[in-house]
Structures are given as C-alpha cells and as structure tokens.
C-alpha cells in the first residue's frame, strides 16, 4: 500500500511540475500595469531611451546576462547605472511580477 501511495504522489508531483510554467507564481497582468506606471517612460516597447543597446528585447537580455527573473529582479530592486532602484518604491512581489512581464514580452518580441 505504501508503494502505491508513493508512486501516486510521485506521479502527481511530476505532472504538476511538468505542466506548470516557471513564471506561473508571478502575475504578468499586474506586472504589465506596474511596468506601464514605472518603466515604460524609459523602456517603451521594450526599448531603452537612455542606452539604446541595452533594451529589454530577448537578444539584448541574453547578451548582457539579464535573461532571467533573478537578474531582472536584482536590477529593478537595486538599480544600476542610469537606472534608479525601485526596491523601496515597489514590493518584492510587484518586482517579481514586472520581471515575469518583461520575460514574457521578450519571448513574444514585445508585440502588444
């Protein structure tokens, strides 16, 4: 009986992880609203009005080792160069939502 329960639990765990998106914990709809309110002034359409080479497009994110939620969260939280820190303005879950939105848009070529 224990073996059957173990196999069943393992099957449920595998199914759950296999069909769950890594960004599912984040809310990209909320991230979109936060991006519009806090980021779009400099990053409209995934661009970068301050440094045109460092856009939020997938190719640039990959080139500059920013194509991960962790890297984007760190940049948004602490700022870097001309980019201000948003860690005191936004809550951690809000920053996670923005990061998820940026990655989603980068994957979709910022078409919206």
PDB file of N, CA and C in Angstrom:
ATOM      1  N   UNK A   1       0.823  -1.190   0.000  1.00  0.00           N
ATOM      2  CA  UNK A   1       0.000   0.000   0.000  1.00  0.00           C
ATOM      3  C   UNK A   1       0.865   1.251   0.000  1.00  0.00           C
ATOM      4  N   UNK A   2       1.946   1.246   0.818  1.00  0.00           N
ATOM      5  CA  UNK A   2       2.838   2.403   0.877  1.00  0.00           C
ATOM      6  C   UNK A   2       3.475   2.667  -0.485  1.00  0.00           C
ATOM      7  N   UNK A   3       3.799   1.584  -1.191  1.00  0.00           N
ATOM      8  CA  UNK A   3       4.426   1.727  -2.504  1.00  0.00           C
ATOM      9  C   UNK A   3       3.453   2.373  -3.490  1.00  0.00           C
ATOM     10  N   UNK A   4       2.197   1.995  -3.449  1.00  0.00           N
ATOM     11  CA  UNK A   4       1.178   2.566  -4.341  1.00  0.00           C
ATOM     12  C   UNK A   4       0.997   4.046  -4.051  1.00  0.00           C
ATOM     13  N   UNK A   5       0.933   4.399  -2.778  1.00  0.00           N
ATOM     14  CA  UNK A   5       0.783   5.806  -2.395  1.00  0.00           C
ATOM     15  C   UNK A   5       2.011   6.608  -2.825  1.00  0.00           C
ATOM     16  N   UNK A   6       3.188   6.048  -2.642  1.00  0.00           N
ATOM     17  CA  UNK A   6       4.413   6.731  -3.058  1.00  0.00           C
ATOM     18  C   UNK A   6       4.434   6.977  -4.560  1.00  0.00           C
ATOM     19  N   UNK A   7       4.062   5.969  -5.324  1.00  0.00           N
ATOM     20  CA  UNK A   7       4.025   6.101  -6.786  1.00  0.00           C
ATOM     21  C   UNK A   7       2.987   7.137  -7.187  1.00  0.00           C
ATOM     22  N   UNK A   8       1.848   7.113  -6.536  1.00  0.00           N
ATOM     23  CA  UNK A   8       0.787   8.077  -6.829  1.00  0.00           C
ATOM     24  C   UNK A   8       1.241   9.504  -6.528  1.00  0.00           C
ATOM     25  N   UNK A   9       1.851   9.710  -5.383  1.00  0.00           N
ATOM     26  CA  UNK A   9       2.341  11.046  -5.017  1.00  0.00           C
ATOM     27  C   UNK A   9       3.436  11.519  -5.966  1.00  0.00           C
ATOM     28  N   UNK A  10       4.322  10.626  -6.337  1.00  0.00           N
ATOM     29  CA  UNK A  10       5.368  10.973  -7.287  1.00  0.00           C
ATOM     30  C   UNK A  10       4.769  11.346  -8.633  1.00  0.00           C
ATOM     31  N   UNK A  11       3.768  10.619  -9.077  1.00  0.00           N
ATOM     32  CA  UNK A  11       3.098  10.915 -10.351  1.00  0.00           C
ATOM     33  C   UNK A  11       2.439  12.288 -10.315  1.00  0.00           C
ATOM     34  N   UNK A  12       1.778  12.605  -9.217  1.00  0.00           N
ATOM     35  CA  UNK A  12       1.140  13.916  -9.069  1.00  0.00           C
ATOM     36  C   UNK A  12       2.190  15.018  -9.100  1.00  0.00           C
ATOM     37  N   UNK A  13       3.298  14.832  -8.412  1.00  0.00           N
ATOM     38  CA  UNK A  13       4.364  15.832  -8.386  1.00  0.00           C
ATOM     39  C   UNK A  13       4.950  16.042  -9.775  1.00  0.00           C
ATOM     40  N   UNK A  14       5.209  14.962 -10.481  1.00  0.00           N
ATOM     41  CA  UNK A  14       5.768  15.076 -11.837  1.00  0.00           C
ATOM     42  C   UNK A  14       4.782  15.783 -12.749  1.00  0.00           C
ATOM     43  N   UNK A  15       3.524  15.420 -12.682  1.00  0.00           N
ATOM     44  CA  UNK A  15       2.501  16.055 -13.512  1.00  0.00           C
ATOM     45  C   UNK A  15       2.403  17.539 -13.203  1.00  0.00           C
ATOM     46  N   UNK A  16       2.425  17.894 -11.921  1.00  0.00           N
ATOM     47  CA  UNK A  16       2.329  19.295 -11.515  1.00  0.00           C
ATOM     48  C   UNK A  16       3.490  20.106 -12.060  1.00  0.00           C
ATOM     49  N   UNK A  17       4.700  19.611 -11.908  1.00  0.00           N
ATOM     50  CA  UNK A  17       5.868  20.360 -12.378  1.00  0.00           C
ATOM     51  C   UNK A  17       5.983  20.353 -13.897  1.00  0.00           C
ATOM     52  N   UNK A  18       5.542  19.310 -14.531  1.00  0.00           N
ATOM     53  CA  UNK A  18       5.655  19.221 -15.990  1.00  0.00           C
ATOM     54  C   UNK A  18       4.731  20.201 -16.691  1.00  0.00           C
ATOM     55  N   UNK A  19       3.610  20.519 -16.088  1.00  0.00           N
ATOM     56  CA  UNK A  19       2.626  21.374 -16.748  1.00  0.00           C
ATOM     57  C   UNK A  19       2.452  22.729 -16.075  1.00  0.00           C
ATOM     58  N   UNK A  20       3.392  23.104 -15.241  1.00  0.00           N
ATOM     59  CA  UNK A  20       3.342  24.406 -14.593  1.00  0.00           C
ATOM     60  C   UNK A  20       4.460  25.269 -15.143  1.00  0.00           C
ATOM     61  N   UNK A  21       4.107  26.457 -15.593  1.00  0.00           N
ATOM     62  CA  UNK A  21       5.095  27.402 -16.105  1.00  0.00           C
ATOM     63  C   UNK A  21       5.937  27.922 -14.954  1.00  0.00           C
ATOM     64  N   UNK A  22       7.259  28.139 -15.153  1.00  0.00           N
ATOM     65  CA  UNK A  22       8.097  28.642 -14.076  1.00  0.00           C
ATOM     66  C   UNK A  22       7.663  30.016 -13.591  1.00  0.00           C
ATOM     67  N   UNK A  23       7.046  30.802 -14.456  1.00  0.00           N
ATOM     68  CA  UNK A  23       6.625  32.150 -14.078  1.00  0.00           C
ATOM     69  C   UNK A  23       5.185  32.174 -13.576  1.00  0.00           C
ATOM     70  N   UNK A  24       4.571  31.002 -13.371  1.00  0.00           N
ATOM     71  CA  UNK A  24       3.164  30.970 -13.004  1.00  0.00           C
ATOM     72  C   UNK A  24       2.899  31.600 -11.652  1.00  0.00           C
ATOM     73  N   UNK A  25       3.876  31.635 -10.777  1.00  0.00           N
ATOM     74  CA  UNK A  25       3.678  32.258  -9.478  1.00  0.00           C
ATOM     75  C   UNK A  25       3.556  33.773  -9.615  1.00  0.00           C
ATOM     76  N   UNK A  26       4.116  34.320 -10.662  1.00  0.00           N
ATOM     77  CA  UNK A  26       4.059  35.755 -10.881  1.00  0.00           C
ATOM     78  C   UNK A  26       2.820  36.107 -11.689  1.00  0.00           C
ATOM     79  N   UNK A  27       2.352  37.315 -11.509  1.00  0.00           N
ATOM     80  CA  UNK A  27       1.160  37.818 -12.175  1.00  0.00           C
ATOM     81  C   UNK A  27       1.585  38.790 -13.271  1.00  0.00           C
ATOM     82  N   UNK A  28       1.599  38.324 -14.512  1.00  0.00           N
ATOM     83  CA  UNK A  28       2.069  39.176 -15.607  1.00  0.00           C
ATOM     84  C   UNK A  28       1.087  40.292 -15.940  1.00  0.00           C
ATOM     85  N   UNK A  29      -0.191  40.116 -15.614  1.00  0.00           N
ATOM     86  CA  UNK A  29      -1.172  41.193 -15.841  1.00  0.00           C
ATOM     87  C   UNK A  29      -0.858  42.357 -14.900  1.00  0.00           C
ATOM     88  N   UNK A  30      -0.608  42.022 -13.639  1.00  0.00           N
ATOM     89  CA  UNK A  30      -0.203  43.050 -12.677  1.00  0.00           C
ATOM     90  C   UNK A  30       1.146  43.634 -13.075  1.00  0.00           C
ATOM     91  N   UNK A  31       2.057  42.769 -13.536  1.00  0.00           N
ATOM     92  CA  UNK A  31       3.368  43.225 -13.991  1.00  0.00           C
ATOM     93  C   UNK A  31       3.266  44.215 -15.134  1.00  0.00           C
ATOM     94  N   UNK A  32       2.314  43.996 -16.040  1.00  0.00           N
ATOM     95  CA  UNK A  32       2.114  44.906 -17.167  1.00  0.00           C
ATOM     96  C   UNK A  32       1.696  46.288 -16.679  1.00  0.00           C
ATOM     97  N   UNK A  33       0.779  46.332 -15.721  1.00  0.00           N
ATOM     98  CA  UNK A  33       0.325  47.614 -15.176  1.00  0.00           C
ATOM     99  C   UNK A  33       1.455  48.328 -14.440  1.00  0.00           C
ATOM    100  N   UNK A  34       2.227  47.563 -13.670  1.00  0.00           N
ATOM    101  CA  UNK A  34       3.358  48.154 -12.949  1.00  0.00           C
ATOM    102  C   UNK A  34       4.425  48.653 -13.910  1.00  0.00           C
ATOM    103  N   UNK A  35       4.671  47.892 -14.980  1.00  0.00           N
ATOM    104  CA  UNK A  35       5.642  48.287 -15.999  1.00  0.00           C
ATOM    105  C   UNK A  35       5.205  49.602 -16.640  1.00  0.00           C
ATOM    106  N   UNK A  36       3.935  49.678 -16.998  1.00  0.00           N
ATOM    107  CA  UNK A  36       3.410  50.896 -17.629  1.00  0.00           C
ATOM    108  C   UNK A  36       3.569  52.107 -16.712  1.00  0.00           C
ATOM    109  N   UNK A  37       3.327  51.927 -15.438  1.00  0.00           N
ATOM    110  CA  UNK A  37       3.379  53.028 -14.480  1.00  0.00           C
ATOM    111  C   UNK A  37       4.803  53.424 -14.077  1.00  0.00           C
ATOM    112  N   UNK A  38       5.748  52.472 -14.112  1.00  0.00           N
ATOM    113  CA  UNK A  38       7.077  52.733 -13.567  1.00  0.00           C
ATOM    114  C   UNK A  38       8.233  52.617 -14.555  1.00  0.00           C
ATOM    115  N   UNK A  39       8.042  51.897 -15.641  1.00  0.00           N
ATOM    116  CA  UNK A  39       9.173  51.558 -16.511  1.00  0.00           C
ATOM    117  C   UNK A  39       9.040  52.069 -17.946  1.00  0.00           C
ATOM    118  N   UNK A  40       7.806  52.177 -18.403  1.00  0.00           N
ATOM    119  CA  UNK A  40       7.568  52.479 -19.818  1.00  0.00           C
ATOM    120  C   UNK A  40       8.113  53.842 -20.243  1.00  0.00           C
ATOM    121  N   UNK A  41       8.324  54.746 -19.315  1.00  0.00           N
ATOM    122  CA  UNK A  41       8.869  56.050 -19.673  1.00  0.00           C
ATOM    123  C   UNK A  41      10.230  55.907 -20.349  1.00  0.00           C
ATOM    124  N   UNK A  42      11.013  54.969 -19.903  1.00  0.00           N
ATOM    125  CA  UNK A  42      12.346  54.732 -20.487  1.00  0.00           C
ATOM    126  C   UNK A  42      12.378  53.477 -21.360  1.00  0.00           C
ATOM    127  N   UNK A  43      11.460  52.550 -21.134  1.00  0.00           N
ATOM    128  CA  UNK A  43      11.512  51.250 -21.806  1.00  0.00           C
ATOM    129  C   UNK A  43      10.270  50.973 -22.648  1.00  0.00           C
ATOM    130  N   UNK A  44       9.734  51.991 -23.291  1.00  0.00           N
ATOM    131  CA  UNK A  44       8.545  51.817 -24.118  1.00  0.00           C
ATOM    132  C   UNK A  44       8.810  50.760 -25.199  1.00  0.00           C
ATOM    133  N   UNK A  45       7.888  49.808 -25.312  1.00  0.00           N
ATOM    134  CA  UNK A  45       8.018  48.753 -26.309  1.00  0.00           C
ATOM    135  C   UNK A  45       9.241  47.876 -26.144  1.00  0.00           C
ATOM    136  N   UNK A  46       9.798  47.838 -24.939  1.00  0.00           N
ATOM    137  CA  UNK A  46      10.985  47.019 -24.690  1.00  0.00           C
ATOM    138  C   UNK A  46      12.282  47.692 -25.081  1.00  0.00           C
ATOM    139  N   UNK A  47      12.201  48.949 -25.483  1.00  0.00           N
ATOM    140  CA  UNK A  47      13.407  49.687 -25.857  1.00  0.00           C
ATOM    141  C   UNK A  47      14.116  50.242 -24.640  1.00  0.00           C
ATOM    142  N   UNK A  48      15.033  51.153 -24.875  1.00  0.00           N
ATOM    143  CA  UNK A  48      15.754  51.825 -23.799  1.00  0.00           C
ATOM    144  C   UNK A  48      16.130  53.205 -24.308  1.00  0.00           C
ATOM    145  N   UNK A  49      15.463  54.226 -23.813  1.00  0.00           N
ATOM    146  CA  UNK A  49      15.705  55.588 -24.281  1.00  0.00           C
ATOM    147  C   UNK A  49      17.020  56.161 -23.779  1.00  0.00           C
ATOM    148  N   UNK A  50      17.576  55.600 -22.716  1.00  0.00           N
ATOM    149  CA  UNK A  50      18.825  56.101 -22.140  1.00  0.00           C
ATOM    150  C   UNK A  50      20.036  55.445 -22.795  1.00  0.00           C
ATOM    151  N   UNK A  51      19.998  54.127 -22.954  1.00  0.00           N
ATOM    152  CA  UNK A  51      21.094  53.378 -23.570  1.00  0.00           C
ATOM    153  C   UNK A  51      20.486  52.433 -24.597  1.00  0.00           C
ATOM    154  N   UNK A  52      20.473  52.849 -25.828  1.00  0.00           N
ATOM    155  CA  UNK A  52      19.765  52.120 -26.887  1.00  0.00           C
ATOM    156  C   UNK A  52      20.253  50.675 -27.084  1.00  0.00           C
ATOM    157  N   UNK A  53      21.462  50.365 -26.674  1.00  0.00           N
ATOM    158  CA  UNK A  53      21.985  48.998 -26.834  1.00  0.00           C
ATOM    159  C   UNK A  53      21.396  48.039 -25.800  1.00  0.00           C
ATOM    160  N   UNK A  54      21.053  48.547 -24.629  1.00  0.00           N
ATOM    161  CA  UNK A  54      20.597  47.694 -23.528  1.00  0.00           C
ATOM    162  C   UNK A  54      19.070  47.733 -23.418  1.00  0.00           C
ATOM    163  N   UNK A  55      18.443  47.113 -24.405  1.00  0.00           N
ATOM    164  CA  UNK A  55      16.985  47.064 -24.425  1.00  0.00           C
ATOM    165  C   UNK A  55      16.490  45.898 -23.587  1.00  0.00           C
ATOM    166  N   UNK A  56      15.189  45.733 -23.573  1.00  0.00           N
ATOM    167  CA  UNK A  56      14.566  44.605 -22.886  1.00  0.00           C
ATOM    168  C   UNK A  56      14.159  43.529 -23.886  1.00  0.00           C
ATOM    169  N   UNK A  57      14.718  43.601 -25.068  1.00  0.00           N
ATOM    170  CA  UNK A  57      14.455  42.590 -26.084  1.00  0.00           C
ATOM    171  C   UNK A  57      15.296  41.357 -25.751  1.00  0.00           C
ATOM    172  N   UNK A  58      14.812  40.206 -26.141  1.00  0.00           N
ATOM    173  CA  UNK A  58      15.432  38.939 -25.745  1.00  0.00           C
ATOM    174  C   UNK A  58      16.916  38.882 -26.090  1.00  0.00           C
ATOM    175  N   UNK A  59      17.271  39.316 -27.273  1.00  0.00           N
ATOM    176  CA  UNK A  59      18.672  39.253 -27.702  1.00  0.00           C
ATOM    177  C   UNK A  59      19.574  40.087 -26.782  1.00  0.00           C
ATOM    178  N   UNK A  60      19.124  41.271 -26.420  1.00  0.00           N
ATOM    179  CA  UNK A  60      19.923  42.130 -25.538  1.00  0.00           C
ATOM    180  C   UNK A  60      19.967  41.559 -24.121  1.00  0.00           C
ATOM    181  N   UNK A  61      18.839  41.066 -23.645  1.00  0.00           N
ATOM    182  CA  UNK A  61      18.826  40.469 -22.308  1.00  0.00           C
ATOM    183  C   UNK A  61      19.799  39.303 -22.231  1.00  0.00           C
ATOM    184  N   UNK A  62      19.829  38.476 -23.276  1.00  0.00           N
ATOM    185  CA  UNK A  62      20.769  37.351 -23.309  1.00  0.00           C
ATOM    186  C   UNK A  62      22.207  37.848 -23.397  1.00  0.00           C
ATOM    187  N   UNK A  63      22.444  38.825 -24.252  1.00  0.00           N
ATOM    188  CA  UNK A  63      23.801  39.356 -24.445  1.00  0.00           C
ATOM    189  C   UNK A  63      24.388  39.910 -23.146  1.00  0.00           C
ATOM    190  N   UNK A  64      23.561  40.587 -22.371  1.00  0.00           N
ATOM    191  CA  UNK A  64      24.034  41.227 -21.141  1.00  0.00           C
ATOM    192  C   UNK A  64      23.730  40.401 -19.887  1.00  0.00           C
ATOM    193  N   UNK A  65      23.485  39.093 -20.058  1.00  0.00           N
ATOM    194  CA  UNK A  65      23.223  38.171 -18.940  1.00  0.00           C
ATOM    195  C   UNK A  65      22.076  38.643 -18.046  1.00  0.00           C
ATOM    196  N   UNK A  66      21.019  39.129 -18.689  1.00  0.00           N
ATOM    197  CA  UNK A  66      19.851  39.611 -17.953  1.00  0.00           C
ATOM    198  C   UNK A  66      18.597  38.801 -18.261  1.00  0.00           C
ATOM    199  N   UNK A  67      18.739  37.705 -18.993  1.00  0.00           N
ATOM    200  CA  UNK A  67      17.577  36.921 -19.401  1.00  0.00           C
ATOM    201  C   UNK A  67      17.213  35.885 -18.335  1.00  0.00           C
ATOM    202  N   UNK A  68      16.869  36.388 -17.162  1.00  0.00           N
ATOM    203  CA  UNK A  68      16.367  35.535 -16.074  1.00  0.00           C
ATOM    204  C   UNK A  68      15.598  36.423 -15.112  1.00  0.00           C
ATOM    205  N   UNK A  69      14.638  35.835 -14.453  1.00  0.00           N
ATOM    206  CA  UNK A  69      13.865  36.591 -13.466  1.00  0.00           C
ATOM    207  C   UNK A  69      14.787  37.127 -12.369  1.00  0.00           C
ATOM    208  N   UNK A  70      15.743  36.315 -11.941  1.00  0.00           N
ATOM    209  CA  UNK A  70      16.638  36.723 -10.861  1.00  0.00           C
ATOM    210  C   UNK A  70      17.446  37.968 -11.242  1.00  0.00           C
ATOM    211  N   UNK A  71      17.984  37.989 -12.458  1.00  0.00           N
ATOM    212  CA  UNK A  71      18.791  39.130 -12.902  1.00  0.00           C
ATOM    213  C   UNK A  71      17.938  40.388 -13.028  1.00  0.00           C
ATOM    214  N   UNK A  72      16.753  40.252 -13.577  1.00  0.00           N
ATOM    215  CA  UNK A  72      15.867  41.409 -13.735  1.00  0.00           C
ATOM    216  C   UNK A  72      15.414  41.908 -12.374  1.00  0.00           C
ATOM    217  N   UNK A  73      15.068  41.003 -11.482  1.00  0.00           N
ATOM    218  CA  UNK A  73      14.648  41.391 -10.129  1.00  0.00           C
ATOM    219  C   UNK A  73      15.761  42.166  -9.436  1.00  0.00           C
ATOM    220  N   UNK A  74      16.990  41.699  -9.539  1.00  0.00           N
ATOM    221  CA  UNK A  74      18.120  42.393  -8.908  1.00  0.00           C
ATOM    222  C   UNK A  74      18.291  43.789  -9.500  1.00  0.00           C
ATOM    223  N   UNK A  75      18.203  43.906 -10.829  1.00  0.00           N
ATOM    224  CA  UNK A  75      18.376  45.210 -11.495  1.00  0.00           C
ATOM    225  C   UNK A  75      17.265  46.171 -11.094  1.00  0.00           C
ATOM    226  N   UNK A  76      16.033  45.708 -11.098  1.00  0.00           N
ATOM    227  CA  UNK A  76      14.906  46.576 -10.738  1.00  0.00           C
ATOM    228  C   UNK A  76      14.990  46.959  -9.255  1.00  0.00           C
ATOM    229  N   UNK A  77      15.346  46.030  -8.424  1.00  0.00           N
ATOM    230  CA  UNK A  77      15.414  46.296  -6.982  1.00  0.00           C
ATOM    231  C   UNK A  77      16.516  47.283  -6.637  1.00  0.00           C
ATOM    232  N   UNK A  78      17.722  47.072  -7.176  1.00  0.00           N
ATOM    233  CA  UNK A  78      18.888  47.850  -6.770  1.00  0.00           C
ATOM    234  C   UNK A  78      19.285  48.945  -7.753  1.00  0.00           C
ATOM    235  N   UNK A  79      18.757  48.896  -8.974  1.00  0.00           N
ATOM    236  CA  UNK A  79      19.152  49.855  -9.991  1.00  0.00           C
ATOM    237  C   UNK A  79      20.575  49.579 -10.457  1.00  0.00           C
ATOM    238  N   UNK A  80      20.988  50.313 -11.492  1.00  0.00           N
ATOM    239  CA  UNK A  80      22.353  50.164 -11.990  1.00  0.00           C
ATOM    240  C   UNK A  80      22.577  51.242 -13.044  1.00  0.00           C
ATOM    241  N   UNK A  81      23.700  51.907 -12.974  1.00  0.00           N
ATOM    242  CA  UNK A  81      23.978  52.972 -13.936  1.00  0.00           C
ATOM    243  C   UNK A  81      22.907  54.049 -13.860  1.00  0.00           C
ATOM    244  N   UNK A  82      22.322  54.382 -14.996  1.00  0.00           N
ATOM    245  CA  UNK A  82      21.289  55.425 -15.048  1.00  0.00           C
ATOM    246  C   UNK A  82      19.936  54.941 -14.541  1.00  0.00           C
ATOM    247  N   UNK A  83      19.789  53.634 -14.372  1.00  0.00           N
ATOM    248  CA  UNK A  83      18.501  53.105 -13.917  1.00  0.00           C
ATOM    249  C   UNK A  83      18.384  53.228 -12.402  1.00  0.00           C
ATOM    250  N   UNK A  84      17.305  53.871 -11.947  1.00  0.00           N
ATOM    251  CA  UNK A  84      17.124  54.005 -10.492  1.00  0.00           C
ATOM    252  C   UNK A  84      16.688  52.691  -9.859  1.00  0.00           C
ATOM    253  N   UNK A  85      16.874  52.597  -8.560  1.00  0.00           N
ATOM    254  CA  UNK A  85      16.419  51.443  -7.792  1.00  0.00           C
ATOM    255  C   UNK A  85      14.940  51.604  -7.476  1.00  0.00           C
ATOM    256  N   UNK A  86      14.202  50.520  -7.601  1.00  0.00           N
ATOM    257  CA  UNK A  86      12.777  50.542  -7.292  1.00  0.00           C
ATOM    258  C   UNK A  86      12.454  49.709  -6.058  1.00  0.00           C
ATOM    259  N   UNK A  87      13.477  49.230  -5.362  1.00  0.00           N
ATOM    260  CA  UNK A  87      13.282  48.365  -4.207  1.00  0.00           C
ATOM    261  C   UNK A  87      12.542  48.997  -3.057  1.00  0.00           C
ATOM    262  N   UNK A  88      12.588  50.313  -2.930  1.00  0.00           N
ATOM    263  CA  UNK A  88      11.862  50.981  -1.856  1.00  0.00           C
ATOM    264  C   UNK A  88      10.495  51.466  -2.326  1.00  0.00           C
ATOM    265  N   UNK A  89      10.312  51.535  -3.629  1.00  0.00           N
ATOM    266  CA  UNK A  89       9.052  52.008  -4.199  1.00  0.00           C
ATOM    267  C   UNK A  89       8.070  50.862  -4.441  1.00  0.00           C
ATOM    268  N   UNK A  90       8.603  49.699  -4.822  1.00  0.00           N
ATOM    269  CA  UNK A  90       7.768  48.541  -5.133  1.00  0.00           C
ATOM    270  C   UNK A  90       8.055  47.407  -4.159  1.00  0.00           C
ATOM    271  N   UNK A  91       7.042  46.613  -3.874  1.00  0.00           N
ATOM    272  CA  UNK A  91       7.207  45.439  -3.023  1.00  0.00           C
ATOM    273  C   UNK A  91       7.875  44.330  -3.821  1.00  0.00           C
ATOM    274  N   UNK A  92       8.449  43.371  -3.121  1.00  0.00           N
ATOM    275  CA  UNK A  92       9.160  42.264  -3.774  1.00  0.00           C
ATOM    276  C   UNK A  92       8.270  41.513  -4.761  1.00  0.00           C
ATOM    277  N   UNK A  93       7.014  41.238  -4.384  1.00  0.00           N
ATOM    278  CA  UNK A  93       6.128  40.517  -5.302  1.00  0.00           C
ATOM    279  C   UNK A  93       5.770  41.358  -6.521  1.00  0.00           C
ATOM    280  N   UNK A  94       5.721  42.670  -6.369  1.00  0.00           N
ATOM    281  CA  UNK A  94       5.469  43.545  -7.515  1.00  0.00           C
ATOM    282  C   UNK A  94       6.652  43.502  -8.491  1.00  0.00           C
ATOM    283  N   UNK A  95       7.856  43.497  -7.950  1.00  0.00           N
ATOM    284  CA  UNK A  95       9.054  43.420  -8.793  1.00  0.00           C
ATOM    285  C   UNK A  95       9.109  42.071  -9.504  1.00  0.00           C
ATOM    286  N   UNK A  96       8.726  41.008  -8.828  1.00  0.00           N
ATOM    287  CA  UNK A  96       8.658  39.686  -9.463  1.00  0.00           C
ATOM    288  C   UNK A  96       7.661  39.702 -10.624  1.00  0.00           C
ATOM    289  N   UNK A  97       6.539  40.377 -10.432  1.00  0.00           N
ATOM    290  CA  UNK A  97       5.529  40.478 -11.486  1.00  0.00           C
ATOM    291  C   UNK A  97       6.064  41.259 -12.686  1.00  0.00           C
ATOM    292  N   UNK A  98       6.787  42.327 -12.432  1.00  0.00           N
ATOM    293  CA  UNK A  98       7.393  43.105 -13.517  1.00  0.00           C
ATOM    294  C   UNK A  98       8.399  42.242 -14.267  1.00  0.00           C
ATOM    295  N   UNK A  99       9.220  41.510 -13.548  1.00  0.00           N
ATOM    296  CA  UNK A  99      10.223  40.638 -14.185  1.00  0.00           C
ATOM    297  C   UNK A  99       9.545  39.589 -15.057  1.00  0.00           C
ATOM    298  N   UNK A 100       8.478  38.980 -14.546  1.00  0.00           N
ATOM    299  CA  UNK A 100       7.749  37.974 -15.323  1.00  0.00           C
ATOM    300  C   UNK A 100       7.163  38.600 -16.584  1.00  0.00           C
ATOM    301  N   UNK A 101       6.632  39.807 -16.457  1.00  0.00           N
ATOM    302  CA  UNK A 101       6.076  40.502 -17.621  1.00  0.00           C
ATOM    303  C   UNK A 101       7.164  40.801 -18.655  1.00  0.00           C
ATOM    304  N   UNK A 102       8.312  41.273 -18.201  1.00  0.00           N
ATOM    305  CA  UNK A 102       9.420  41.580 -19.116  1.00  0.00           C
ATOM    306  C   UNK A 102       9.855  40.325 -19.864  1.00  0.00           C
ATOM    307  N   UNK A 103      10.014  39.224 -19.151  1.00  0.00           N
ATOM    308  CA  UNK A 103      10.422  37.978 -19.803  1.00  0.00           C
ATOM    309  C   UNK A 103       9.356  37.484 -20.788  1.00  0.00           C
ATOM    310  N   UNK A 104       8.099  37.597 -20.415  1.00  0.00           N
ATOM    311  CA  UNK A 104       7.006  37.197 -21.306  1.00  0.00           C
ATOM    312  C   UNK A 104       7.034  38.040 -22.585  1.00  0.00           C
ATOM    313  N   UNK A 105       7.202  39.350 -22.427  1.00  0.00           N
ATOM    314  CA  UNK A 105       7.242  40.228 -23.585  1.00  0.00           C
ATOM    315  C   UNK A 105       8.483  39.991 -24.431  1.00  0.00           C
ATOM    316  N   UNK A 106       9.606  39.746 -23.797  1.00  0.00           N
ATOM    317  CA  UNK A 106      10.835  39.456 -24.541  1.00  0.00           C
ATOM    318  C   UNK A 106      10.649  38.201 -25.375  1.00  0.00           C
ATOM    319  N   UNK A 107      10.026  37.189 -24.806  1.00  0.00           N
ATOM    320  CA  UNK A 107       9.776  35.950 -25.537  1.00  0.00           C
ATOM    321  C   UNK A 107       8.817  36.160 -26.708  1.00  0.00           C
ATOM    322  N   UNK A 108       7.931  37.141 -26.590  1.00  0.00           N
ATOM    323  CA  UNK A 108       6.940  37.412 -27.627  1.00  0.00           C
ATOM    324  C   UNK A 108       7.356  38.554 -28.556  1.00  0.00           C
ATOM    325  N   UNK A 109       8.587  39.019 -28.429  1.00  0.00           N
ATOM    326  CA  UNK A 109       9.072  40.092 -29.303  1.00  0.00           C
ATOM    327  C   UNK A 109       8.446  41.454 -29.025  1.00  0.00           C
ATOM    328  N   UNK A 110       7.935  41.652 -27.822  1.00  0.00           N
ATOM    329  CA  UNK A 110       7.318  42.913 -27.422  1.00  0.00           C
ATOM    330  C   UNK A 110       6.204  43.339 -28.377  1.00  0.00           C
ATOM    331  N   UNK A 111       5.424  42.364 -28.833  1.00  0.00           N
ATOM    332  CA  UNK A 111       4.287  42.652 -29.711  1.00  0.00           C
ATOM    333  C   UNK A 111       3.021  42.718 -28.881  1.00  0.00           C
ATOM    334  N   UNK A 112       2.545  43.885 -28.622  1.00  0.00           N
ATOM    335  CA  UNK A 112       1.279  44.093 -27.901  1.00  0.00           C
ATOM    336  C   UNK A 112       0.819  45.488 -28.064  1.00  0.00           C
TER     337      UNK A 112
END
